[in-house]
Protein backbone atom coordinates (compact mmCIF):
# COMPACT_ATOMS: atom_id res chain seq x y z
CA MET A 1 23.62 -116.97 -0.20
CA GLU A 2 20.87 -118.91 1.53
CA PHE A 3 20.98 -121.56 4.11
CA ASP A 4 19.88 -124.95 2.74
CA ASP A 5 17.81 -126.69 5.32
CA THR A 6 16.54 -129.61 3.15
CA PRO A 7 17.13 -133.08 4.68
CA LEU A 8 19.92 -135.30 3.63
CA THR A 9 19.50 -137.03 0.36
CA ALA A 10 19.95 -140.79 -0.03
CA GLY A 11 23.59 -141.72 0.02
CA SER A 12 24.92 -138.36 1.19
CA PHE A 13 26.62 -137.91 4.54
CA PRO A 14 28.79 -135.22 6.19
CA LEU A 15 32.43 -135.16 5.22
CA GLY A 16 33.25 -134.66 8.99
CA GLN A 17 32.09 -138.34 9.56
CA ALA A 18 34.41 -139.86 6.91
CA SER A 19 37.83 -141.42 7.69
CA LYS A 20 41.27 -141.01 6.06
CA GLY A 21 41.30 -142.34 2.55
CA TYR A 22 37.68 -141.40 1.89
CA CYS A 23 37.07 -140.16 -1.65
CA GLY A 24 33.74 -138.58 -2.73
CA CYS A 25 31.93 -135.78 -4.52
CA ILE A 26 30.31 -132.77 -2.83
CA ASP A 27 26.51 -132.92 -2.80
CA ARG A 28 25.88 -129.65 -1.16
CA ILE A 29 26.83 -127.35 1.72
CA ALA A 30 24.42 -127.48 4.69
CA PRO A 31 25.73 -125.84 7.87
CA CYS A 32 23.94 -126.46 11.20
CA GLU A 33 22.10 -123.48 12.53
CA ASP A 34 22.34 -124.71 16.07
CA CYS A 35 26.21 -125.54 16.00
CA PRO A 36 28.60 -123.65 18.16
CA GLY A 37 31.02 -121.25 16.52
CA LEU A 38 30.50 -119.19 13.44
CA PRO A 39 27.02 -118.36 12.05
CA ALA A 40 25.85 -120.87 9.55
CA GLN A 41 25.97 -118.26 6.65
CA GLU A 42 29.60 -117.36 7.45
CA ILE A 43 30.71 -121.12 7.39
CA GLU A 44 28.86 -121.57 4.09
CA ARG A 45 30.56 -118.56 2.60
CA ARG A 46 34.01 -119.52 3.74
CA LEU A 47 33.69 -123.08 2.41
CA ILE A 48 32.44 -121.95 -0.99
CA GLU A 49 35.39 -119.48 -1.10
CA LEU A 50 37.78 -122.39 -0.45
CA GLY A 51 36.28 -124.24 -3.36
CA PHE A 52 33.81 -126.57 -1.61
CA VAL A 53 31.16 -126.35 -4.26
CA GLU A 54 28.66 -128.92 -5.65
CA GLY A 55 30.38 -131.50 -7.81
CA ALA A 56 33.93 -130.97 -6.54
CA GLU A 57 35.83 -134.17 -5.76
CA VAL A 58 37.20 -134.46 -2.18
CA THR A 59 39.68 -136.91 -0.54
CA ILE A 60 40.67 -137.08 3.01
CA LEU A 61 44.46 -137.31 3.20
CA HIS A 62 45.17 -136.97 6.84
CA GLU A 63 43.65 -136.79 10.28
CA GLY A 64 45.05 -135.12 13.31
CA LEU A 65 46.33 -137.38 16.16
CA PHE A 66 44.15 -136.09 18.91
CA GLY A 67 40.52 -136.59 18.19
CA ARG A 68 41.08 -137.01 14.45
CA ASP A 69 41.05 -133.20 14.20
CA PRO A 70 41.87 -131.38 11.97
CA ILE A 71 41.65 -133.18 8.73
CA ALA A 72 43.64 -132.50 5.45
CA VAL A 73 41.46 -132.61 2.43
CA ARG A 74 42.44 -132.70 -1.21
CA LEU A 75 40.11 -130.55 -3.16
CA ASN A 76 40.40 -130.31 -6.99
CA GLY A 77 44.30 -130.48 -6.70
CA ALA A 78 44.64 -128.22 -3.60
CA THR A 79 45.15 -129.36 -0.03
CA VAL A 80 42.97 -127.71 2.58
CA ALA A 81 42.88 -128.20 6.46
CA LEU A 82 39.51 -128.15 8.14
CA ARG A 83 38.13 -128.76 11.60
CA ARG A 84 35.73 -131.75 11.72
CA ARG A 85 32.91 -129.36 12.93
CA GLU A 86 33.36 -127.32 9.78
CA ALA A 87 33.48 -130.48 7.59
CA MET A 88 30.09 -131.58 9.00
CA ALA A 89 28.58 -128.78 6.88
CA ILE A 90 29.93 -130.52 3.70
CA LEU A 91 27.55 -133.19 2.47
CA THR A 92 29.17 -135.79 0.21
CA ARG A 93 28.11 -138.77 -1.80
């Protein structure tokens, strides 16, 4: 698994910036090397294991009360909870 450091493509933005009700398609996983928490490769591996792969459809179902964190995401029929900082690694279009 390699870190993808290519810039954002036109029309793609991090899932972590989206609001409740957003529906989109995953463009790619691009974790931040400088972000606090887990190493970028570990975040990428965990997201892929959960099913966050290119082309998968995602919908934000719910946001937490405090700071809108965590978020509940519908991913190919499953519901997954994510922290916004982890969702920032998921680029959608």
